[in-house]
Amino acid sequence: MAGSARGTVVPISKGVDEAEAAAERIARLESDLRAERRKVRRLRKRDERERELEPYQVELLKLQRHLERHDMKMIVLFEGRDAAGKGGTIRRVTRYMNEKHYRVVALGKPTDEQRGQWYLQKYVAQFPRAGEIVLFDRSWYNRAMVEPVFGFCTESEHENFLRGVVGFEKDLVRQGIVLVKLYFSVSKQEQKRRFERRRHDPLRQWKLSEIDVQAQDLWDDFTERKYEMLDRTHTHAAPWTIIRSGDKHQARVNAMRVILDAVDYDDRDLSLDFVPEPKVVVSGSHEVELMEAQRIREGKFSL
């Protein structure tokens, strides 16, 4: 009886509800704790990777000083499909550099005035002065891939570019400019995953453009233009280096190695590993061979 000497009687259903609620609270707390631990592990791993880059970033400072001391000029081109990891690599390469002696150039759509100029003129205007390194986040090779795929240039303009750029780059190198051409290669599946991450992450949504949205549908078109670009513009004077960027960290480390290997700079740390990882870095000529083999398998042509 309620209020008897034996105390208040609690209905069984109420006790069960309270137990279930307590169990749910415990489950939520455990889930939050697991999520927090995963976050800590991700942050720790990210910190470890960033620390792994530091010895190469020190070497990049030495490279900068060497360029300045010897009045040398250096250009590094970062090309590749959208979400291939170009921007993140550029940020790591330049993180500790002397801002007075490097520039990152990312040119937008040509102005009406530029449309009437020699195509390469707007890029030449951004070339390095003595002692400076310029990193192009996309370059004159827009005309080899992006512009023809999206109809921003005519086929005649595209063809004229491919014919003329080889001599243009050969002349740059002859004049003493150190030219490094990097192409970041990412798989279709990985590009899709990165686009999805941008779409759902408020901190990354600004990276997702209308052109990005079309990139997956136009994958094969970009592949054809990539093949033609590498086949016709990979030369002894100005070779292409392909960076497999499925693993962003490995792409960053190896891109730094390639840049550092382009100049015999002073005070190089010989204890550091400068050899590019062959699973990450391949020559442009080898990439062409791989693409030709794939084209034969697909019946696009035979040799």
C-alpha atoms as a PDB file:
ATOM      1  CA  MET A   1       0.000   0.000   0.000  1.00  0.00           C
ATOM      2  CA  ALA A   2       1.237   3.531  -0.894  1.00  0.00           C
ATOM      3  CA  GLY A   3       2.484   5.335   2.222  1.00  0.00           C
ATOM      4  CA  SER A   4       2.802   2.097   4.266  1.00  0.00           C
ATOM      5  CA  ALA A   5       5.787   1.251   6.421  1.00  0.00           C
ATOM      6  CA  ARG A   6       7.282  -0.595   3.478  1.00  0.00           C
ATOM      7  CA  GLY A   7       7.636   2.717   1.523  1.00  0.00           C
ATOM      8  CA  THR A   8       6.274   3.978  -1.756  1.00  0.00           C
ATOM      9  CA  VAL A   9       5.642   1.365  -4.435  1.00  0.00           C
ATOM     10  CA  VAL A  10       7.196   2.311  -7.793  1.00  0.00           C
ATOM     11  CA  PRO A  11       5.365   0.973 -10.845  1.00  0.00           C
ATOM     12  CA  ILE A  12       7.420  -1.588 -12.774  1.00  0.00           C
ATOM     13  CA  SER A  13       6.916   0.273 -16.094  1.00  0.00           C
ATOM     14  CA  LYS A  14       8.350   3.468 -14.623  1.00  0.00           C
ATOM     15  CA  GLY A  15      11.444   1.671 -13.380  1.00  0.00           C
ATOM     16  CA  VAL A  16      11.988   0.114 -16.805  1.00  0.00           C
ATOM     17  CA  ASP A  17      11.642   3.500 -18.521  1.00  0.00           C
ATOM     18  CA  GLU A  18      14.208   5.061 -16.221  1.00  0.00           C
ATOM     19  CA  ALA A  19      16.623   2.176 -16.786  1.00  0.00           C
ATOM     20  CA  GLU A  20      16.228   2.466 -20.546  1.00  0.00           C
ATOM     21  CA  ALA A  21      16.779   6.237 -20.401  1.00  0.00           C
ATOM     22  CA  ALA A  22      19.908   5.736 -18.326  1.00  0.00           C
ATOM     23  CA  ALA A  23      21.164   3.120 -20.794  1.00  0.00           C
ATOM     24  CA  GLU A  24      20.542   5.516 -23.679  1.00  0.00           C
ATOM     25  CA  ARG A  25      22.466   8.291 -21.904  1.00  0.00           C
ATOM     26  CA  ILE A  26      25.367   5.926 -21.302  1.00  0.00           C
ATOM     27  CA  ALA A  27      25.311   4.824 -24.960  1.00  0.00           C
ATOM     28  CA  ARG A  28      25.350   8.458 -26.109  1.00  0.00           C
ATOM     29  CA  LEU A  29      28.237   9.268 -23.786  1.00  0.00           C
ATOM     30  CA  GLU A  30      30.182   6.235 -25.027  1.00  0.00           C
ATOM     31  CA  SER A  31      29.493   7.220 -28.641  1.00  0.00           C
ATOM     32  CA  ASP A  32      30.638  10.797 -27.982  1.00  0.00           C
ATOM     33  CA  LEU A  33      33.753   9.475 -26.264  1.00  0.00           C
ATOM     34  CA  ARG A  34      34.599   7.223 -29.239  1.00  0.00           C
ATOM     35  CA  ALA A  35      34.075  10.131 -31.631  1.00  0.00           C
ATOM     36  CA  GLU A  36      36.339  12.334 -29.516  1.00  0.00           C
ATOM     37  CA  ARG A  37      39.020   9.654 -29.475  1.00  0.00           C
ATOM     38  CA  ARG A  38      38.810   9.319 -33.277  1.00  0.00           C
ATOM     39  CA  LYS A  39      39.154  13.078 -33.575  1.00  0.00           C
ATOM     40  CA  VAL A  40      42.216  13.064 -31.304  1.00  0.00           C
ATOM     41  CA  ARG A  41      43.781  10.255 -33.373  1.00  0.00           C
ATOM     42  CA  ARG A  42      43.134  12.185 -36.612  1.00  0.00           C
ATOM     43  CA  LEU A  43      44.659  15.351 -35.178  1.00  0.00           C
ATOM     44  CA  ARG A  44      47.661  13.440 -33.870  1.00  0.00           C
ATOM     45  CA  LYS A  45      48.167  11.766 -37.257  1.00  0.00           C
ATOM     46  CA  ARG A  46      47.832  15.112 -39.033  1.00  0.00           C
ATOM     47  CA  ASP A  47      50.411  16.666 -36.712  1.00  0.00           C
ATOM     48  CA  GLU A  48      52.797  13.777 -37.353  1.00  0.00           C
ATOM     49  CA  ARG A  49      52.442  14.233 -41.101  1.00  0.00           C
ATOM     50  CA  GLU A  50      53.000  17.958 -40.865  1.00  0.00           C
ATOM     51  CA  ARG A  51      56.158  17.359 -38.830  1.00  0.00           C
ATOM     52  CA  GLU A  52      57.361  14.918 -41.493  1.00  0.00           C
ATOM     53  CA  LEU A  53      57.232  17.781 -44.010  1.00  0.00           C
ATOM     54  CA  GLU A  54      59.342  20.136 -41.900  1.00  0.00           C
ATOM     55  CA  PRO A  55      62.812  18.888 -42.968  1.00  0.00           C
ATOM     56  CA  TYR A  56      61.833  19.441 -46.609  1.00  0.00           C
ATOM     57  CA  GLN A  57      60.411  22.861 -45.799  1.00  0.00           C
ATOM     58  CA  VAL A  58      63.788  23.741 -44.281  1.00  0.00           C
ATOM     59  CA  GLU A  59      65.429  22.645 -47.548  1.00  0.00           C
ATOM     60  CA  LEU A  60      62.996  24.802 -49.517  1.00  0.00           C
ATOM     61  CA  LEU A  61      64.239  27.794 -47.527  1.00  0.00           C
ATOM     62  CA  LYS A  62      67.800  26.882 -48.502  1.00  0.00           C
ATOM     63  CA  LEU A  63      66.657  26.628 -52.123  1.00  0.00           C
ATOM     64  CA  GLN A  64      65.125  30.096 -51.855  1.00  0.00           C
ATOM     65  CA  ARG A  65      68.350  31.563 -50.472  1.00  0.00           C
ATOM     66  CA  HIS A  66      70.319  29.899 -53.262  1.00  0.00           C
ATOM     67  CA  LEU A  67      68.059  31.402 -55.927  1.00  0.00           C
ATOM     68  CA  GLU A  68      68.381  34.816 -54.321  1.00  0.00           C
ATOM     69  CA  ARG A  69      72.162  34.575 -53.891  1.00  0.00           C
ATOM     70  CA  HIS A  70      72.724  33.568 -57.514  1.00  0.00           C
ATOM     71  CA  ASP A  71      69.994  35.750 -59.094  1.00  0.00           C
ATOM     72  CA  MET A  72      68.242  32.649 -60.438  1.00  0.00           C
ATOM     73  CA  LYS A  73      64.629  32.419 -61.581  1.00  0.00           C
ATOM     74  CA  MET A  74      62.369  29.437 -60.976  1.00  0.00           C
ATOM     75  CA  ILE A  75      58.861  28.543 -62.155  1.00  0.00           C
ATOM     76  CA  VAL A  76      56.825  25.613 -60.836  1.00  0.00           C
ATOM     77  CA  LEU A  77      53.607  24.673 -62.626  1.00  0.00           C
ATOM     78  CA  PHE A  78      50.891  22.857 -60.666  1.00  0.00           C
ATOM     79  CA  GLU A  79      48.469  21.190 -63.053  1.00  0.00           C
ATOM     80  CA  GLY A  80      45.873  18.440 -62.670  1.00  0.00           C
ATOM     81  CA  ARG A  81      42.177  17.782 -62.404  1.00  0.00           C
ATOM     82  CA  ASP A  82      39.980  19.538 -59.865  1.00  0.00           C
ATOM     83  CA  ALA A  83      40.437  18.209 -56.296  1.00  0.00           C
ATOM     84  CA  ALA A  84      43.776  16.606 -57.219  1.00  0.00           C
ATOM     85  CA  GLY A  85      45.544  18.297 -54.299  1.00  0.00           C
ATOM     86  CA  LYS A  86      47.372  21.149 -56.015  1.00  0.00           C
ATOM     87  CA  GLY A  87      46.296  23.885 -53.595  1.00  0.00           C
ATOM     88  CA  GLY A  88      47.143  21.942 -50.439  1.00  0.00           C
ATOM     89  CA  THR A  89      50.577  21.104 -51.790  1.00  0.00           C
ATOM     90  CA  ILE A  90      51.267  24.730 -52.705  1.00  0.00           C
ATOM     91  CA  ARG A  91      50.324  25.814 -49.172  1.00  0.00           C
ATOM     92  CA  ARG A  92      52.765  23.318 -47.663  1.00  0.00           C
ATOM     93  CA  VAL A  93      55.547  24.222 -50.088  1.00  0.00           C
ATOM     94  CA  THR A  94      55.280  27.934 -49.308  1.00  0.00           C
ATOM     95  CA  ARG A  95      54.350  27.741 -45.601  1.00  0.00           C
ATOM     96  CA  TYR A  96      57.700  28.949 -44.275  1.00  0.00           C
ATOM     97  CA  MET A  97      59.103  30.613 -47.374  1.00  0.00           C
ATOM     98  CA  ASN A  98      60.313  34.205 -47.410  1.00  0.00           C
ATOM     99  CA  GLU A  99      57.343  36.102 -48.832  1.00  0.00           C
ATOM    100  CA  LYS A 100      59.626  38.635 -50.496  1.00  0.00           C
ATOM    101  CA  HIS A 101      61.035  36.012 -52.825  1.00  0.00           C
ATOM    102  CA  TYR A 102      58.090  33.892 -53.939  1.00  0.00           C
ATOM    103  CA  ARG A 103      54.649  34.396 -55.440  1.00  0.00           C
ATOM    104  CA  VAL A 104      51.681  32.107 -56.012  1.00  0.00           C
ATOM    105  CA  VAL A 105      49.875  32.997 -59.234  1.00  0.00           C
ATOM    106  CA  ALA A 106      46.324  31.801 -59.913  1.00  0.00           C
ATOM    107  CA  LEU A 107      44.903  33.740 -62.839  1.00  0.00           C
ATOM    108  CA  GLY A 108      41.180  33.950 -63.467  1.00  0.00           C
ATOM    109  CA  LYS A 109      39.282  34.238 -66.715  1.00  0.00           C
ATOM    110  CA  PRO A 110      40.962  36.515 -69.275  1.00  0.00           C
ATOM    111  CA  THR A 111      39.726  40.091 -69.461  1.00  0.00           C
ATOM    112  CA  ASP A 112      38.426  41.548 -72.714  1.00  0.00           C
ATOM    113  CA  GLU A 113      41.807  43.215 -73.185  1.00  0.00           C
ATOM    114  CA  GLN A 114      43.667  39.950 -72.602  1.00  0.00           C
ATOM    115  CA  ARG A 115      41.462  38.130 -75.114  1.00  0.00           C
ATOM    116  CA  GLY A 116      42.945  40.310 -77.830  1.00  0.00           C
ATOM    117  CA  GLN A 117      46.545  39.677 -76.719  1.00  0.00           C
ATOM    118  CA  TRP A 118      48.998  36.877 -77.372  1.00  0.00           C
ATOM    119  CA  TYR A 119      47.692  34.025 -75.210  1.00  0.00           C
ATOM    120  CA  LEU A 120      50.895  33.628 -73.177  1.00  0.00           C
ATOM    121  CA  GLN A 121      51.271  37.359 -72.543  1.00  0.00           C
ATOM    122  CA  LYS A 122      49.319  37.414 -69.267  1.00  0.00           C
ATOM    123  CA  TYR A 123      51.474  34.579 -67.927  1.00  0.00           C
ATOM    124  CA  VAL A 124      54.754  36.137 -69.025  1.00  0.00           C
ATOM    125  CA  ALA A 125      53.734  39.268 -67.096  1.00  0.00           C
ATOM    126  CA  GLN A 126      53.821  37.142 -63.919  1.00  0.00           C
ATOM    127  CA  PHE A 127      57.243  35.605 -64.497  1.00  0.00           C
ATOM    128  CA  PRO A 128      59.824  35.724 -61.684  1.00  0.00           C
ATOM    129  CA  ARG A 129      62.398  38.415 -61.286  1.00  0.00           C
ATOM    130  CA  ALA A 130      65.991  37.491 -60.378  1.00  0.00           C
ATOM    131  CA  GLY A 131      66.116  35.538 -57.113  1.00  0.00           C
ATOM    132  CA  GLU A 132      62.417  34.681 -57.108  1.00  0.00           C
ATOM    133  CA  ILE A 133      60.304  31.543 -57.425  1.00  0.00           C
ATOM    134  CA  VAL A 134      56.803  31.719 -58.912  1.00  0.00           C
ATOM    135  CA  LEU A 135      54.314  28.892 -58.393  1.00  0.00           C
ATOM    136  CA  PHE A 136      51.447  28.761 -60.883  1.00  0.00           C
ATOM    137  CA  ASP A 137      48.238  27.246 -59.497  1.00  0.00           C
ATOM    138  CA  ARG A 138      47.166  26.238 -63.001  1.00  0.00           C
ATOM    139  CA  SER A 139      49.111  27.819 -65.805  1.00  0.00           C
ATOM    140  CA  TRP A 140      49.202  28.364 -69.552  1.00  0.00           C
ATOM    141  CA  TYR A 141      48.222  24.686 -69.791  1.00  0.00           C
ATOM    142  CA  ASN A 142      44.628  25.775 -69.170  1.00  0.00           C
ATOM    143  CA  ARG A 143      44.534  25.922 -72.955  1.00  0.00           C
ATOM    144  CA  ALA A 144      45.553  22.279 -73.188  1.00  0.00           C
ATOM    145  CA  MET A 145      42.793  20.844 -70.964  1.00  0.00           C
ATOM    146  CA  VAL A 146      40.232  23.089 -69.267  1.00  0.00           C
ATOM    147  CA  GLU A 147      39.581  25.515 -72.106  1.00  0.00           C
ATOM    148  CA  PRO A 148      38.987  22.974 -74.904  1.00  0.00           C
ATOM    149  CA  VAL A 149      36.878  20.701 -72.686  1.00  0.00           C
ATOM    150  CA  PHE A 150      34.540  23.546 -71.716  1.00  0.00           C
ATOM    151  CA  GLY A 151      34.630  25.284 -75.090  1.00  0.00           C
ATOM    152  CA  PHE A 152      36.504  28.336 -73.813  1.00  0.00           C
ATOM    153  CA  CYS A 153      38.793  28.231 -76.855  1.00  0.00           C
ATOM    154  CA  THR A 154      38.510  27.014 -80.444  1.00  0.00           C
ATOM    155  CA  GLU A 155      40.138  23.842 -81.714  1.00  0.00           C
ATOM    156  CA  SER A 156      42.414  26.038 -83.820  1.00  0.00           C
ATOM    157  CA  GLU A 157      43.539  27.980 -80.721  1.00  0.00           C
ATOM    158  CA  HIS A 158      44.112  24.714 -78.887  1.00  0.00           C
ATOM    159  CA  GLU A 159      46.196  23.293 -81.726  1.00  0.00           C
ATOM    160  CA  ASN A 160      48.245  26.474 -82.106  1.00  0.00           C
ATOM    161  CA  PHE A 161      49.003  26.389 -78.386  1.00  0.00           C
ATOM    162  CA  LEU A 162      50.273  22.803 -78.471  1.00  0.00           C
ATOM    163  CA  ARG A 163      52.456  23.617 -81.458  1.00  0.00           C
ATOM    164  CA  GLY A 164      53.937  26.764 -79.973  1.00  0.00           C
ATOM    165  CA  VAL A 165      54.369  25.972 -76.285  1.00  0.00           C
ATOM    166  CA  VAL A 166      57.212  23.492 -76.802  1.00  0.00           C
ATOM    167  CA  GLY A 167      59.443  26.114 -78.401  1.00  0.00           C
ATOM    168  CA  PHE A 168      58.322  28.700 -75.854  1.00  0.00           C
ATOM    169  CA  GLU A 169      59.390  26.519 -72.921  1.00  0.00           C
ATOM    170  CA  LYS A 170      62.614  25.481 -74.597  1.00  0.00           C
ATOM    171  CA  ASP A 171      63.503  29.147 -74.924  1.00  0.00           C
ATOM    172  CA  LEU A 172      62.681  29.798 -71.251  1.00  0.00           C
ATOM    173  CA  VAL A 173      65.031  27.044 -70.154  1.00  0.00           C
ATOM    174  CA  ARG A 174      67.715  28.221 -72.586  1.00  0.00           C
ATOM    175  CA  GLN A 175      67.567  31.627 -70.937  1.00  0.00           C
ATOM    176  CA  GLY A 176      68.282  30.060 -67.553  1.00  0.00           C
ATOM    177  CA  ILE A 177      64.827  29.793 -65.969  1.00  0.00           C
ATOM    178  CA  VAL A 178      64.390  26.639 -63.876  1.00  0.00           C
ATOM    179  CA  LEU A 179      61.064  25.176 -65.039  1.00  0.00           C
ATOM    180  CA  VAL A 180      59.313  22.384 -63.126  1.00  0.00           C
ATOM    181  CA  LYS A 181      56.061  20.994 -64.544  1.00  0.00           C
ATOM    182  CA  LEU A 182      54.001  18.952 -62.075  1.00  0.00           C
ATOM    183  CA  TYR A 183      50.783  17.139 -62.995  1.00  0.00           C
ATOM    184  CA  PHE A 184      48.737  15.851 -60.042  1.00  0.00           C
ATOM    185  CA  SER A 185      46.915  12.661 -60.997  1.00  0.00           C
ATOM    186  CA  VAL A 186      43.868  11.489 -59.043  1.00  0.00           C
ATOM    187  CA  SER A 187      41.449   8.638 -59.728  1.00  0.00           C
ATOM    188  CA  LYS A 188      37.832   9.246 -60.690  1.00  0.00           C
ATOM    189  CA  GLN A 189      36.618   7.546 -57.496  1.00  0.00           C
ATOM    190  CA  GLU A 190      38.890   9.641 -55.266  1.00  0.00           C
ATOM    191  CA  GLN A 191      37.896  12.855 -57.025  1.00  0.00           C
ATOM    192  CA  LYS A 192      34.219  11.991 -56.423  1.00  0.00           C
ATOM    193  CA  ARG A 193      34.923  11.327 -52.731  1.00  0.00           C
ATOM    194  CA  ARG A 194      36.670  14.678 -52.362  1.00  0.00           C
ATOM    195  CA  PHE A 195      33.828  16.490 -54.127  1.00  0.00           C
ATOM    196  CA  GLU A 196      31.324  14.871 -51.748  1.00  0.00           C
ATOM    197  CA  ARG A 197      33.392  15.989 -48.793  1.00  0.00           C
ATOM    198  CA  ARG A 198      33.391  19.547 -50.106  1.00  0.00           C
ATOM    199  CA  ARG A 199      29.650  19.424 -50.667  1.00  0.00           C
ATOM    200  CA  HIS A 200      28.873  18.422 -47.067  1.00  0.00           C
ATOM    201  CA  ASP A 201      31.627  20.272 -45.180  1.00  0.00           C
ATOM    202  CA  PRO A 202      30.751  23.954 -44.502  1.00  0.00           C
ATOM    203  CA  LEU A 203      34.451  24.782 -44.267  1.00  0.00           C
ATOM    204  CA  ARG A 204      35.106  23.368 -47.733  1.00  0.00           C
ATOM    205  CA  GLN A 205      31.941  24.242 -49.646  1.00  0.00           C
ATOM    206  CA  TRP A 206      33.572  27.365 -51.092  1.00  0.00           C
ATOM    207  CA  LYS A 207      35.939  25.071 -53.022  1.00  0.00           C
ATOM    208  CA  LEU A 208      33.083  23.442 -54.951  1.00  0.00           C
ATOM    209  CA  SER A 209      32.357  25.328 -58.177  1.00  0.00           C
ATOM    210  CA  GLU A 210      29.928  24.679 -61.014  1.00  0.00           C
ATOM    211  CA  ILE A 211      32.836  23.460 -63.132  1.00  0.00           C
ATOM    212  CA  ASP A 212      33.759  20.987 -60.379  1.00  0.00           C
ATOM    213  CA  VAL A 213      30.253  19.557 -60.493  1.00  0.00           C
ATOM    214  CA  GLN A 214      30.708  18.815 -64.209  1.00  0.00           C
ATOM    215  CA  ALA A 215      34.188  17.316 -63.826  1.00  0.00           C
ATOM    216  CA  GLN A 216      32.944  13.778 -63.170  1.00  0.00           C
ATOM    217  CA  ASP A 217      30.651  13.776 -66.210  1.00  0.00           C
ATOM    218  CA  LEU A 218      33.498  15.095 -68.374  1.00  0.00           C
ATOM    219  CA  TRP A 219      36.104  12.693 -66.985  1.00  0.00           C
ATOM    220  CA  ASP A 220      36.769  10.952 -70.322  1.00  0.00           C
ATOM    221  CA  ASP A 221      37.051  14.276 -72.167  1.00  0.00           C
ATOM    222  CA  PHE A 222      39.670  15.463 -69.684  1.00  0.00           C
ATOM    223  CA  THR A 223      41.506  12.149 -70.036  1.00  0.00           C
ATOM    224  CA  GLU A 224      41.753  12.586 -73.800  1.00  0.00           C
ATOM    225  CA  ARG A 225      43.090  16.127 -73.432  1.00  0.00           C
ATOM    226  CA  LYS A 226      45.536  15.004 -70.755  1.00  0.00           C
ATOM    227  CA  TYR A 227      46.915  12.307 -73.037  1.00  0.00           C
ATOM    228  CA  GLU A 228      47.375  14.726 -75.929  1.00  0.00           C
ATOM    229  CA  MET A 229      48.970  17.349 -73.679  1.00  0.00           C
ATOM    230  CA  LEU A 230      51.520  14.967 -72.171  1.00  0.00           C
ATOM    231  CA  ASP A 231      52.268  13.287 -75.487  1.00  0.00           C
ATOM    232  CA  ARG A 232      53.000  16.560 -77.267  1.00  0.00           C
ATOM    233  CA  THR A 233      54.521  18.749 -74.546  1.00  0.00           C
ATOM    234  CA  HIS A 234      56.704  16.345 -72.542  1.00  0.00           C
ATOM    235  CA  THR A 235      60.163  17.259 -73.828  1.00  0.00           C
ATOM    236  CA  HIS A 236      63.770  16.835 -72.797  1.00  0.00           C
ATOM    237  CA  ALA A 237      64.040  20.565 -72.093  1.00  0.00           C
ATOM    238  CA  ALA A 238      60.757  20.802 -70.160  1.00  0.00           C
ATOM    239  CA  PRO A 239      59.566  17.373 -69.011  1.00  0.00           C
ATOM    240  CA  TRP A 240      56.386  16.612 -67.114  1.00  0.00           C
ATOM    241  CA  THR A 241      56.492  14.914 -63.705  1.00  0.00           C
ATOM    242  CA  ILE A 242      53.359  13.058 -62.648  1.00  0.00           C
ATOM    243  CA  ILE A 243      52.438  13.035 -58.960  1.00  0.00           C
ATOM    244  CA  ARG A 244      49.987  10.314 -57.919  1.00  0.00           C
ATOM    245  CA  SER A 245      47.865  12.206 -55.400  1.00  0.00           C
ATOM    246  CA  GLY A 246      45.480   9.589 -54.032  1.00  0.00           C
ATOM    247  CA  ASP A 247      47.406   9.959 -50.769  1.00  0.00           C
ATOM    248  CA  LYS A 248      47.683  13.725 -50.259  1.00  0.00           C
ATOM    249  CA  HIS A 249      50.507  13.496 -47.750  1.00  0.00           C
ATOM    250  CA  GLN A 250      52.693  11.361 -50.003  1.00  0.00           C
ATOM    251  CA  ALA A 251      51.901  13.679 -52.916  1.00  0.00           C
ATOM    252  CA  ARG A 252      53.101  16.677 -50.878  1.00  0.00           C
ATOM    253  CA  VAL A 253      56.313  15.014 -49.691  1.00  0.00           C
ATOM    254  CA  ASN A 254      57.217  13.825 -53.159  1.00  0.00           C
ATOM    255  CA  ALA A 255      56.338  17.089 -54.876  1.00  0.00           C
ATOM    256  CA  MET A 256      58.773  18.810 -52.503  1.00  0.00           C
ATOM    257  CA  ARG A 257      61.437  16.256 -53.397  1.00  0.00           C
ATOM    258  CA  VAL A 258      60.959  16.900 -57.108  1.00  0.00           C
ATOM    259  CA  ILE A 259      61.178  20.682 -56.642  1.00  0.00           C
ATOM    260  CA  LEU A 260      64.303  20.379 -54.497  1.00  0.00           C
ATOM    261  CA  ASP A 261      65.951  18.035 -56.995  1.00  0.00           C
ATOM    262  CA  ALA A 262      65.540  20.614 -59.768  1.00  0.00           C
ATOM    263  CA  VAL A 263      68.309  22.845 -58.353  1.00  0.00           C
ATOM    264  CA  ASP A 264      71.764  21.959 -57.033  1.00  0.00           C
ATOM    265  CA  TYR A 265      71.467  24.412 -54.148  1.00  0.00           C
ATOM    266  CA  ASP A 266      73.986  25.151 -51.405  1.00  0.00           C
ATOM    267  CA  ASP A 267      74.093  23.422 -47.987  1.00  0.00           C
ATOM    268  CA  ARG A 268      71.832  20.505 -48.921  1.00  0.00           C
ATOM    269  CA  ASP A 269      71.134  18.144 -46.018  1.00  0.00           C
ATOM    270  CA  LEU A 270      72.573  14.911 -47.404  1.00  0.00           C
ATOM    271  CA  SER A 271      71.047  12.854 -44.577  1.00  0.00           C
ATOM    272  CA  LEU A 272      67.562  13.583 -45.925  1.00  0.00           C
ATOM    273  CA  ASP A 273      65.887  11.262 -48.420  1.00  0.00           C
ATOM    274  CA  PHE A 274      65.422  13.173 -51.679  1.00  0.00           C
ATOM    275  CA  VAL A 275      64.576  10.158 -53.843  1.00  0.00           C
ATOM    276  CA  PRO A 276      60.966  10.340 -55.077  1.00  0.00           C
ATOM    277  CA  GLU A 277      58.803   7.335 -54.286  1.00  0.00           C
ATOM    278  CA  PRO A 278      58.344   5.448 -57.611  1.00  0.00           C
ATOM    279  CA  LYS A 279      54.769   4.523 -56.758  1.00  0.00           C
ATOM    280  CA  VAL A 280      53.954   8.216 -56.388  1.00  0.00           C
ATOM    281  CA  VAL A 281      56.201   9.933 -58.937  1.00  0.00           C
ATOM    282  CA  VAL A 282      56.468   8.885 -62.601  1.00  0.00           C
ATOM    283  CA  SER A 283      57.780  10.652 -65.669  1.00  0.00           C
ATOM    284  CA  GLY A 284      55.463  12.170 -68.233  1.00  0.00           C
ATOM    285  CA  SER A 285      56.733   9.752 -70.894  1.00  0.00           C
ATOM    286  CA  HIS A 286      55.908   6.747 -68.707  1.00  0.00           C
ATOM    287  CA  GLU A 287      52.440   8.138 -68.048  1.00  0.00           C
ATOM    288  CA  VAL A 288      51.907   8.409 -71.810  1.00  0.00           C
ATOM    289  CA  GLU A 289      52.932   4.770 -72.203  1.00  0.00           C
ATOM    290  CA  LEU A 290      50.469   3.706 -69.506  1.00  0.00           C
ATOM    291  CA  MET A 291      47.690   5.744 -71.092  1.00  0.00           C
ATOM    292  CA  GLU A 292      48.447   4.296 -74.533  1.00  0.00           C
ATOM    293  CA  ALA A 293      48.212   0.774 -73.118  1.00  0.00           C
ATOM    294  CA  GLN A 294      44.850   1.662 -71.581  1.00  0.00           C
ATOM    295  CA  ARG A 295      43.632   3.122 -74.880  1.00  0.00           C
ATOM    296  CA  ILE A 296      44.605  -0.110 -76.688  1.00  0.00           C
ATOM    297  CA  ARG A 297      42.680  -2.165 -74.126  1.00  0.00           C
ATOM    298  CA  GLU A 298      39.659   0.064 -74.711  1.00  0.00           C
ATOM    299  CA  GLY A 299      39.996  -0.329 -78.471  1.00  0.00           C
ATOM    300  CA  LYS A 300      40.609   3.377 -79.131  1.00  0.00           C
ATOM    301  CA  PHE A 301      43.611   2.602 -81.313  1.00  0.00           C
ATOM    302  CA  SER A 302      46.102  -0.165 -81.889  1.00  0.00           C
ATOM    303  CA  LEU A 303      49.862  -0.132 -82.348  1.00  0.00           C
END
